PDB file of N, CA and C in Angstrom:
ATOM      1  N   MET A   1      56.564  54.417-110.002  1.00  0.00           N
ATOM      2  CA  MET A   1      55.369  53.555-110.053  1.00  0.00           C
ATOM      3  C   MET A   1      54.349  54.214-110.927  1.00  0.00           C
ATOM      4  N   ASN A   2      53.793  53.466-111.828  1.00  0.00           N
ATOM      5  CA  ASN A   2      52.709  53.950-112.680  1.00  0.00           C
ATOM      6  C   ASN A   2      51.374  53.599-112.028  1.00  0.00           C
ATOM      7  N   VAL A   3      50.497  54.597-111.924  1.00  0.00           N
ATOM      8  CA  VAL A   3      49.171  54.390-111.332  1.00  0.00           C
ATOM      9  C   VAL A   3      48.129  54.534-112.418  1.00  0.00           C
ATOM     10  N   VAL A   4      47.352  53.481-112.627  1.00  0.00           N
ATOM     11  CA  VAL A   4      46.336  53.469-113.663  1.00  0.00           C
ATOM     12  C   VAL A   4      44.972  53.525-113.022  1.00  0.00           C
ATOM     13  N   ALA A   5      44.162  54.487-113.417  1.00  0.00           N
ATOM     14  CA  ALA A   5      42.806  54.626-112.887  1.00  0.00           C
ATOM     15  C   ALA A   5      41.916  53.629-113.585  1.00  0.00           C
ATOM     16  N   THR A   6      40.871  53.193-112.910  1.00  0.00           N
ATOM     17  CA  THR A   6      39.841  52.309-113.520  1.00  0.00           C
ATOM     18  C   THR A   6      38.520  53.071-113.478  1.00  0.00           C
ATOM     19  N   ARG A   7      37.485  52.463-113.968  1.00  0.00           N
ATOM     20  CA  ARG A   7      36.185  53.157-113.957  1.00  0.00           C
ATOM     21  C   ARG A   7      35.533  53.074-112.592  1.00  0.00           C
ATOM     22  N   PHE A   8      36.165  52.363-111.658  1.00  0.00           N
ATOM     23  CA  PHE A   8      35.609  52.254-110.313  1.00  0.00           C
ATOM     24  C   PHE A   8      36.308  53.259-109.404  1.00  0.00           C
ATOM     25  N   LYS A   9      35.543  53.972-108.604  1.00  0.00           N
ATOM     26  CA  LYS A   9      36.105  54.935-107.664  1.00  0.00           C
ATOM     27  C   LYS A   9      37.029  54.267-106.725  1.00  0.00           C
ATOM     28  N   ASP A  10      38.229  54.804-106.527  1.00  0.00           N
ATOM     29  CA  ASP A  10      39.224  54.318-105.595  1.00  0.00           C
ATOM     30  C   ASP A  10      39.763  52.936-105.916  1.00  0.00           C
ATOM     31  N   LEU A  11      39.672  52.503-107.151  1.00  0.00           N
ATOM     32  CA  LEU A  11      40.287  51.223-107.591  1.00  0.00           C
ATOM     33  C   LEU A  11      41.326  51.564-108.632  1.00  0.00           C
ATOM     34  N   PHE A  12      42.571  51.267-108.338  1.00  0.00           N
ATOM     35  CA  PHE A  12      43.697  51.598-109.207  1.00  0.00           C
ATOM     36  C   PHE A  12      44.542  50.361-109.486  1.00  0.00           C
ATOM     37  N   ILE A  13      45.196  50.367-110.620  1.00  0.00           N
ATOM     38  CA  ILE A  13      46.202  49.351-110.925  1.00  0.00           C
ATOM     39  C   ILE A  13      47.557  50.014-110.693  1.00  0.00           C
ATOM     40  N   LEU A  14      48.337  49.450-109.799  1.00  0.00           N
ATOM     41  CA  LEU A  14      49.667  49.983-109.502  1.00  0.00           C
ATOM     42  C   LEU A  14      50.710  49.138-110.260  1.00  0.00           C
ATOM     43  N   GLU A  15      51.448  49.790-111.133  1.00  0.00           N
ATOM     44  CA  GLU A  15      52.479  49.085-111.906  1.00  0.00           C
ATOM     45  C   GLU A  15      53.855  49.530-111.390  1.00  0.00           C
ATOM     46  N   PRO A  16      54.446  48.727-110.494  1.00  0.00           N
ATOM     47  CA  PRO A  16      55.725  49.113-109.933  1.00  0.00           C
ATOM     48  C   PRO A  16      56.864  48.955-110.922  1.00  0.00           C
ATOM     49  N   LYS A  17      57.931  49.693-110.689  1.00  0.00           N
ATOM     50  CA  LYS A  17      59.172  49.570-111.485  1.00  0.00           C
ATOM     51  C   LYS A  17      59.934  48.369-110.947  1.00  0.00           C
ATOM     52  N   VAL A  18      60.455  47.562-111.849  1.00  0.00           N
ATOM     53  CA  VAL A  18      61.253  46.410-111.486  1.00  0.00           C
ATOM     54  C   VAL A  18      62.711  46.735-111.853  1.00  0.00           C
ATOM     55  N   PHE A  19      63.585  46.627-110.852  1.00  0.00           N
ATOM     56  CA  PHE A  19      65.009  46.863-111.058  1.00  0.00           C
ATOM     57  C   PHE A  19      65.709  45.493-110.962  1.00  0.00           C
ATOM     58  N   GLY A  20      66.287  45.049-112.055  1.00  0.00           N
ATOM     59  CA  GLY A  20      66.888  43.736-112.072  1.00  0.00           C
ATOM     60  C   GLY A  20      68.308  43.730-112.630  1.00  0.00           C
ATOM     61  N   ASP A  21      69.045  42.722-112.228  1.00  0.00           N
ATOM     62  CA  ASP A  21      70.350  42.438-112.757  1.00  0.00           C
ATOM     63  C   ASP A  21      70.604  40.954-112.663  1.00  0.00           C
ATOM     64  N   SER A  22      71.851  40.529-112.828  1.00  0.00           N
ATOM     65  CA  SER A  22      72.160  39.101-112.837  1.00  0.00           C
ATOM     66  C   SER A  22      71.874  38.414-111.495  1.00  0.00           C
ATOM     67  N   ARG A  23      71.754  39.183-110.421  1.00  0.00           N
ATOM     68  CA  ARG A  23      71.488  38.597-109.087  1.00  0.00           C
ATOM     69  C   ARG A  23      70.025  38.354-108.840  1.00  0.00           C
ATOM     70  N   GLY A  24      69.150  39.012-109.610  1.00  0.00           N
ATOM     71  CA  GLY A  24      67.710  38.935-109.345  1.00  0.00           C
ATOM     72  C   GLY A  24      67.054  40.249-109.582  1.00  0.00           C
ATOM     73  N   TYR A  25      66.072  40.588-108.763  1.00  0.00           N
ATOM     74  CA  TYR A  25      65.358  41.844-108.970  1.00  0.00           C
ATOM     75  C   TYR A  25      64.895  42.419-107.641  1.00  0.00           C
ATOM     76  N   PHE A  26      64.531  43.706-107.716  1.00  0.00           N
ATOM     77  CA  PHE A  26      63.983  44.417-106.564  1.00  0.00           C
ATOM     78  C   PHE A  26      62.755  45.188-107.055  1.00  0.00           C
ATOM     79  N   VAL A  27      61.680  45.131-106.255  1.00  0.00           N
ATOM     80  CA  VAL A  27      60.462  45.868-106.595  1.00  0.00           C
ATOM     81  C   VAL A  27      59.964  46.582-105.338  1.00  0.00           C
ATOM     82  N   GLU A  28      59.672  47.865-105.445  1.00  0.00           N
ATOM     83  CA  GLU A  28      59.016  48.580-104.396  1.00  0.00           C
ATOM     84  C   GLU A  28      57.521  48.531-104.678  1.00  0.00           C
ATOM     85  N   SER A  29      56.804  47.731-103.889  1.00  0.00           N
ATOM     86  CA  SER A  29      55.384  47.507-104.158  1.00  0.00           C
ATOM     87  C   SER A  29      54.487  48.558-103.502  1.00  0.00           C
ATOM     88  N   TYR A  30      55.010  49.263-102.526  1.00  0.00           N
ATOM     89  CA  TYR A  30      54.226  50.297-101.864  1.00  0.00           C
ATOM     90  C   TYR A  30      55.137  51.391-101.357  1.00  0.00           C
ATOM     91  N   ASN A  31      54.734  52.641-101.606  1.00  0.00           N
ATOM     92  CA  ASN A  31      55.479  53.790-101.089  1.00  0.00           C
ATOM     93  C   ASN A  31      54.436  54.885-100.841  1.00  0.00           C
ATOM     94  N   LYS A  32      54.185  55.176 -99.580  1.00  0.00           N
ATOM     95  CA  LYS A  32      53.137  56.132 -99.219  1.00  0.00           C
ATOM     96  C   LYS A  32      53.328  57.489 -99.887  1.00  0.00           C
ATOM     97  N   GLU A  33      54.551  57.992 -99.925  1.00  0.00           N
ATOM     98  CA  GLU A  33      54.805  59.307-100.521  1.00  0.00           C
ATOM     99  C   GLU A  33      54.524  59.326-102.026  1.00  0.00           C
ATOM    100  N   THR A  34      54.911  58.251-102.721  1.00  0.00           N
ATOM    101  CA  THR A  34      54.639  58.158-104.125  1.00  0.00           C
ATOM    102  C   THR A  34      53.164  58.177-104.433  1.00  0.00           C
ATOM    103  N   LEU A  35      52.388  57.427-103.646  1.00  0.00           N
ATOM    104  CA  LEU A  35      50.929  57.398-103.841  1.00  0.00           C
ATOM    105  C   LEU A  35      50.280  58.705-103.468  1.00  0.00           C
ATOM    106  N   LEU A  36      50.791  59.385-102.415  1.00  0.00           N
ATOM    107  CA  LEU A  36      50.244  60.699-102.056  1.00  0.00           C
ATOM    108  C   LEU A  36      50.406  61.696-103.184  1.00  0.00           C
ATOM    109  N   LYS A  37      51.544  61.631-103.883  1.00  0.00           N
ATOM    110  CA  LYS A  37      51.781  62.540-105.000  1.00  0.00           C
ATOM    111  C   LYS A  37      50.793  62.262-106.154  1.00  0.00           C
ATOM    112  N   LYS A  38      50.252  61.068-106.208  1.00  0.00           N
ATOM    113  CA  LYS A  38      49.265  60.695-107.235  1.00  0.00           C
ATOM    114  C   LYS A  38      47.835  60.913-106.731  1.00  0.00           C
ATOM    115  N   GLY A  39      47.711  61.455-105.495  1.00  0.00           N
ATOM    116  CA  GLY A  39      46.389  61.741-104.946  1.00  0.00           C
ATOM    117  C   GLY A  39      45.740  60.573-104.231  1.00  0.00           C
ATOM    118  N   ILE A  40      46.507  59.574-103.909  1.00  0.00           N
ATOM    119  CA  ILE A  40      45.990  58.392-103.217  1.00  0.00           C
ATOM    120  C   ILE A  40      46.491  58.403-101.788  1.00  0.00           C
ATOM    121  N   ASP A  41      45.594  58.633-100.833  1.00  0.00           N
ATOM    122  CA  ASP A  41      45.984  58.696 -99.418  1.00  0.00           C
ATOM    123  C   ASP A  41      45.460  57.470 -98.672  1.00  0.00           C
ATOM    124  N   ILE A  42      46.291  56.456 -98.624  1.00  0.00           N
ATOM    125  CA  ILE A  42      45.903  55.197 -97.953  1.00  0.00           C
ATOM    126  C   ILE A  42      47.007  54.784 -96.984  1.00  0.00           C
ATOM    127  N   THR A  43      46.630  54.042 -95.984  1.00  0.00           N
ATOM    128  CA  THR A  43      47.581  53.454 -95.045  1.00  0.00           C
ATOM    129  C   THR A  43      47.273  51.998 -94.898  1.00  0.00           C
ATOM    130  N   PHE A  44      48.266  51.160 -95.132  1.00  0.00           N
ATOM    131  CA  PHE A  44      48.117  49.737 -94.936  1.00  0.00           C
ATOM    132  C   PHE A  44      48.416  49.412 -93.497  1.00  0.00           C
ATOM    133  N   VAL A  45      47.540  48.676 -92.835  1.00  0.00           N
ATOM    134  CA  VAL A  45      47.744  48.287 -91.447  1.00  0.00           C
ATOM    135  C   VAL A  45      48.044  46.807 -91.323  1.00  0.00           C
ATOM    136  N   GLN A  46      47.942  46.065 -92.420  1.00  0.00           N
ATOM    137  CA  GLN A  46      48.140  44.635 -92.387  1.00  0.00           C
ATOM    138  C   GLN A  46      48.634  44.163 -93.745  1.00  0.00           C
ATOM    139  N   ASP A  47      49.547  43.217 -93.783  1.00  0.00           N
ATOM    140  CA  ASP A  47      50.097  42.686 -95.038  1.00  0.00           C
ATOM    141  C   ASP A  47      49.982  41.177 -94.979  1.00  0.00           C
ATOM    142  N   ASN A  48      49.259  40.572 -95.931  1.00  0.00           N
ATOM    143  CA  ASN A  48      49.092  39.102 -95.957  1.00  0.00           C
ATOM    144  C   ASN A  48      49.611  38.577 -97.279  1.00  0.00           C
ATOM    145  N   GLN A  49      50.012  37.320 -97.270  1.00  0.00           N
ATOM    146  CA  GLN A  49      50.405  36.655 -98.507  1.00  0.00           C
ATOM    147  C   GLN A  49      49.875  35.249 -98.467  1.00  0.00           C
ATOM    148  N   SER A  50      49.400  34.780 -99.610  1.00  0.00           N
ATOM    149  CA  SER A  50      48.912  33.391 -99.690  1.00  0.00           C
ATOM    150  C   SER A  50      49.473  32.764-100.939  1.00  0.00           C
ATOM    151  N   SER A  51      49.467  31.443-100.930  1.00  0.00           N
ATOM    152  CA  SER A  51      49.896  30.656-102.110  1.00  0.00           C
ATOM    153  C   SER A  51      48.744  29.719-102.439  1.00  0.00           C
ATOM    154  N   SER A  52      48.433  29.623-103.726  1.00  0.00           N
ATOM    155  CA  SER A  52      47.303  28.789-104.137  1.00  0.00           C
ATOM    156  C   SER A  52      47.788  27.664-105.088  1.00  0.00           C
ATOM    157  N   ALA A  53      47.168  26.531-104.946  1.00  0.00           N
ATOM    158  CA  ALA A  53      47.449  25.424-105.872  1.00  0.00           C
ATOM    159  C   ALA A  53      46.823  25.728-107.209  1.00  0.00           C
ATOM    160  N   LYS A  54      47.276  25.047-108.239  1.00  0.00           N
ATOM    161  CA  LYS A  54      46.744  25.249-109.618  1.00  0.00           C
ATOM    162  C   LYS A  54      45.232  25.051-109.607  1.00  0.00           C
ATOM    163  N   GLY A  55      44.533  25.954-110.275  1.00  0.00           N
ATOM    164  CA  GLY A  55      43.090  25.832-110.393  1.00  0.00           C
ATOM    165  C   GLY A  55      42.274  26.445-109.270  1.00  0.00           C
ATOM    166  N   VAL A  56      42.947  27.005-108.276  1.00  0.00           N
ATOM    167  CA  VAL A  56      42.243  27.612-107.120  1.00  0.00           C
ATOM    168  C   VAL A  56      41.795  29.023-107.483  1.00  0.00           C
ATOM    169  N   LEU A  57      40.569  29.332-107.146  1.00  0.00           N
ATOM    170  CA  LEU A  57      40.012  30.686-107.342  1.00  0.00           C
ATOM    171  C   LEU A  57      39.883  31.371-105.993  1.00  0.00           C
ATOM    172  N   ARG A  58      40.517  32.508-105.856  1.00  0.00           N
ATOM    173  CA  ARG A  58      40.413  33.303-104.622  1.00  0.00           C
ATOM    174  C   ARG A  58      39.657  34.576-104.888  1.00  0.00           C
ATOM    175  N   GLY A  59      39.039  35.099-103.874  1.00  0.00           N
ATOM    176  CA  GLY A  59      38.287  36.353-104.023  1.00  0.00           C
ATOM    177  C   GLY A  59      38.500  37.276-102.854  1.00  0.00           C
ATOM    178  N   LEU A  60      38.317  38.561-103.123  1.00  0.00           N
ATOM    179  CA  LEU A  60      38.333  39.588-102.101  1.00  0.00           C
ATOM    180  C   LEU A  60      36.963  40.194-102.018  1.00  0.00           C
ATOM    181  N   HIS A  61      36.599  40.661-100.864  1.00  0.00           N
ATOM    182  CA  HIS A  61      35.275  41.246-100.701  1.00  0.00           C
ATOM    183  C   HIS A  61      35.404  42.679-100.201  1.00  0.00           C
ATOM    184  N   PHE A  62      34.382  43.446-100.540  1.00  0.00           N
ATOM    185  CA  PHE A  62      34.303  44.853-100.102  1.00  0.00           C
ATOM    186  C   PHE A  62      33.855  44.899 -98.651  1.00  0.00           C
ATOM    187  N   GLN A  63      34.396  45.819 -97.917  1.00  0.00           N
ATOM    188  CA  GLN A  63      34.019  46.011 -96.516  1.00  0.00           C
ATOM    189  C   GLN A  63      33.669  47.476 -96.282  1.00  0.00           C
ATOM    190  N   ARG A  64      32.598  47.709 -95.577  1.00  0.00           N
ATOM    191  CA  ARG A  64      32.184  49.079 -95.265  1.00  0.00           C
ATOM    192  C   ARG A  64      32.793  49.516 -93.913  1.00  0.00           C
ATOM    193  N   ALA A  65      32.906  50.825 -93.714  1.00  0.00           N
ATOM    194  CA  ALA A  65      33.379  51.367 -92.446  1.00  0.00           C
ATOM    195  C   ALA A  65      32.449  50.885 -91.315  1.00  0.00           C
ATOM    196  N   PRO A  66      32.993  50.622 -90.198  1.00  0.00           N
ATOM    197  CA  PRO A  66      34.330  50.885 -89.708  1.00  0.00           C
ATOM    198  C   PRO A  66      35.327  49.748 -89.930  1.00  0.00           C
ATOM    199  N   HIS A  67      34.949  48.738 -90.719  1.00  0.00           N
ATOM    200  CA  HIS A  67      35.823  47.582 -90.921  1.00  0.00           C
ATOM    201  C   HIS A  67      36.480  47.596 -92.294  1.00  0.00           C
ATOM    202  N   ALA A  68      36.394  48.676 -93.035  1.00  0.00           N
ATOM    203  CA  ALA A  68      36.965  48.757 -94.381  1.00  0.00           C
ATOM    204  C   ALA A  68      38.487  48.565 -94.346  1.00  0.00           C
ATOM    205  N   GLN A  69      38.992  47.876 -95.356  1.00  0.00           N
ATOM    206  CA  GLN A  69      40.422  47.644 -95.504  1.00  0.00           C
ATOM    207  C   GLN A  69      40.831  47.892 -96.936  1.00  0.00           C
ATOM    208  N   THR A  70      41.956  48.580 -97.113  1.00  0.00           N
ATOM    209  CA  THR A  70      42.525  48.785 -98.450  1.00  0.00           C
ATOM    210  C   THR A  70      43.194  47.473 -98.838  1.00  0.00           C
ATOM    211  N   LYS A  71      43.032  47.050-100.075  1.00  0.00           N
ATOM    212  CA  LYS A  71      43.580  45.791-100.574  1.00  0.00           C
ATOM    213  C   LYS A  71      44.722  46.056-101.547  1.00  0.00           C
ATOM    214  N   LEU A  72      45.817  45.361-101.407  1.00  0.00           N
ATOM    215  CA  LEU A  72      46.921  45.417-102.361  1.00  0.00           C
ATOM    216  C   LEU A  72      47.172  43.995-102.754  1.00  0.00           C
ATOM    217  N   VAL A  73      46.974  43.679-104.043  1.00  0.00           N
ATOM    218  CA  VAL A  73      47.065  42.307-104.558  1.00  0.00           C
ATOM    219  C   VAL A  73      48.305  42.221-105.448  1.00  0.00           C
ATOM    220  N   ARG A  74      49.147  41.193-105.226  1.00  0.00           N
ATOM    221  CA  ARG A  74      50.306  40.932-106.064  1.00  0.00           C
ATOM    222  C   ARG A  74      50.199  39.503-106.613  1.00  0.00           C
ATOM    223  N   VAL A  75      50.569  39.337-107.864  1.00  0.00           N
ATOM    224  CA  VAL A  75      50.619  38.006-108.450  1.00  0.00           C
ATOM    225  C   VAL A  75      52.046  37.775-108.904  1.00  0.00           C
ATOM    226  N   LEU A  76      52.717  36.808-108.258  1.00  0.00           N
ATOM    227  CA  LEU A  76      54.109  36.534-108.557  1.00  0.00           C
ATOM    228  C   LEU A  76      54.278  35.655-109.779  1.00  0.00           C
ATOM    229  N   SER A  77      53.357  34.727-109.975  1.00  0.00           N
ATOM    230  CA  SER A  77      53.354  33.883-111.173  1.00  0.00           C
ATOM    231  C   SER A  77      51.961  33.382-111.392  1.00  0.00           C
ATOM    232  N   GLY A  78      51.688  32.978-112.613  1.00  0.00           N
ATOM    233  CA  GLY A  78      50.360  32.520-112.947  1.00  0.00           C
ATOM    234  C   GLY A  78      49.515  33.605-113.573  1.00  0.00           C
ATOM    235  N   VAL A  79      48.231  33.484-113.438  1.00  0.00           N
ATOM    236  CA  VAL A  79      47.297  34.402-114.080  1.00  0.00           C
ATOM    237  C   VAL A  79      46.389  35.039-113.037  1.00  0.00           C
ATOM    238  N   CYS A  80      46.117  36.305-113.208  1.00  0.00           N
ATOM    239  CA  CYS A  80      45.190  37.014-112.314  1.00  0.00           C
ATOM    240  C   CYS A  80      44.080  37.591-113.189  1.00  0.00           C
ATOM    241  N   THR A  81      42.865  37.206-112.912  1.00  0.00           N
ATOM    242  CA  THR A  81      41.714  37.822-113.571  1.00  0.00           C
ATOM    243  C   THR A  81      41.024  38.669-112.548  1.00  0.00           C
ATOM    244  N   ARG A  82      40.876  39.909-112.826  1.00  0.00           N
ATOM    245  CA  ARG A  82      40.262  40.845-111.886  1.00  0.00           C
ATOM    246  C   ARG A  82      38.868  41.137-112.333  1.00  0.00           C
ATOM    247  N   ARG A  83      37.919  40.917-111.477  1.00  0.00           N
ATOM    248  CA  ARG A  83      36.525  41.227-111.756  1.00  0.00           C
ATOM    249  C   ARG A  83      35.969  42.004-110.582  1.00  0.00           C
ATOM    250  N   CYS A  84      35.323  43.113-110.911  1.00  0.00           N
ATOM    251  CA  CYS A  84      34.790  43.957-109.851  1.00  0.00           C
ATOM    252  C   CYS A  84      33.343  44.315-110.198  1.00  0.00           C
ATOM    253  N   ARG A  85      32.582  44.484-109.173  1.00  0.00           N
ATOM    254  CA  ARG A  85      31.173  44.916-109.334  1.00  0.00           C
ATOM    255  C   ARG A  85      31.007  46.161-108.509  1.00  0.00           C
ATOM    256  N   GLY A  86      30.458  47.180-109.133  1.00  0.00           N
ATOM    257  CA  GLY A  86      30.159  48.393-108.394  1.00  0.00           C
ATOM    258  C   GLY A  86      29.157  48.123-107.299  1.00  0.00           C
ATOM    259  N   SER A  87      29.372  48.619-106.113  1.00  0.00           N
ATOM    260  CA  SER A  87      28.495  48.293-105.006  1.00  0.00           C
ATOM    261  C   SER A  87      27.153  49.014-105.079  1.00  0.00           C
ATOM    262  N   LYS A  88      27.010  49.961-106.000  1.00  0.00           N
ATOM    263  CA  LYS A  88      25.719  50.699-106.116  1.00  0.00           C
ATOM    264  C   LYS A  88      24.945  50.265-107.340  1.00  0.00           C
ATOM    265  N   GLU A  89      25.360  49.206-108.026  1.00  0.00           N
ATOM    266  CA  GLU A  89      24.618  48.691-109.152  1.00  0.00           C
ATOM    267  C   GLU A  89      23.260  48.210-108.716  1.00  0.00           C
ATOM    268  N   LYS A  90      22.240  48.438-109.523  1.00  0.00           N
ATOM    269  CA  LYS A  90      20.894  47.955-109.160  1.00  0.00           C
ATOM    270  C   LYS A  90      20.784  46.462-109.384  1.00  0.00           C
ATOM    271  N   ARG A  91      21.447  45.958-110.407  1.00  0.00           N
ATOM    272  CA  ARG A  91      21.409  44.506-110.679  1.00  0.00           C
ATOM    273  C   ARG A  91      22.636  43.876-110.025  1.00  0.00           C
ATOM    274  N   THR A  92      22.419  42.799-109.291  1.00  0.00           N
ATOM    275  CA  THR A  92      23.540  42.162-108.617  1.00  0.00           C
ATOM    276  C   THR A  92      24.331  41.239-109.521  1.00  0.00           C
ATOM    277  N   ASP A  93      23.856  40.999-110.754  1.00  0.00           N
ATOM    278  CA  ASP A  93      24.555  40.129-111.668  1.00  0.00           C
ATOM    279  C   ASP A  93      25.408  40.899-112.686  1.00  0.00           C
ATOM    280  N   VAL A  94      25.559  42.190-112.510  1.00  0.00           N
ATOM    281  CA  VAL A  94      26.372  43.005-113.434  1.00  0.00           C
ATOM    282  C   VAL A  94      27.797  43.086-112.925  1.00  0.00           C
ATOM    283  N   TRP A  95      28.691  42.437-113.620  1.00  0.00           N
ATOM    284  CA  TRP A  95      30.114  42.404-113.221  1.00  0.00           C
ATOM    285  C   TRP A  95      30.935  43.000-114.366  1.00  0.00           C
ATOM    286  N   THR A  96      32.025  43.631-114.046  1.00  0.00           N
ATOM    287  CA  THR A  96      32.906  44.206-115.062  1.00  0.00           C
ATOM    288  C   THR A  96      34.285  43.575-114.920  1.00  0.00           C
ATOM    289  N   ALA A  97      34.824  43.081-116.023  1.00  0.00           N
ATOM    290  CA  ALA A  97      36.181  42.550-116.006  1.00  0.00           C
ATOM    291  C   ALA A  97      37.097  43.628-116.563  1.00  0.00           C
ATOM    292  N   PHE A  98      38.257  43.767-115.956  1.00  0.00           N
ATOM    293  CA  PHE A  98      39.233  44.709-116.508  1.00  0.00           C
ATOM    294  C   PHE A  98      40.629  44.092-116.335  1.00  0.00           C
ATOM    295  N   PHE A  99      41.496  44.440-117.203  1.00  0.00           N
ATOM    296  CA  PHE A  99      42.838  43.861-117.220  1.00  0.00           C
ATOM    297  C   PHE A  99      43.865  44.945-117.321  1.00  0.00           C
ATOM    298  N   GLY A 100      44.954  44.802-116.560  1.00  0.00           N
ATOM    299  CA  GLY A 100      46.020  45.809-116.557  1.00  0.00           C
ATOM    300  C   GLY A 100      47.084  45.462-117.539  1.00  0.00           C
TER     301      GLY A 100
END
């Protein structure tokens, strides 16, 4: 798995290896040991999946302790635009777009 750092603290792009053949493919989307070797110590306690109709915009929000949750986002088909705003920015209208 390739781990790409972003300019945001603790925000990474995880690029998993895809193993495929004529039957289909296999992807390991999370491996605690692999991430630990990259210096990322996280534990997922919940796994959710949703499906959206064409044109639907979904968002994730930041949560502070004690309710903080690590987010792992997968896009199986379609387009994903990732936009993040640093939580310590003085202006609330400053957003940064980044693409993996």
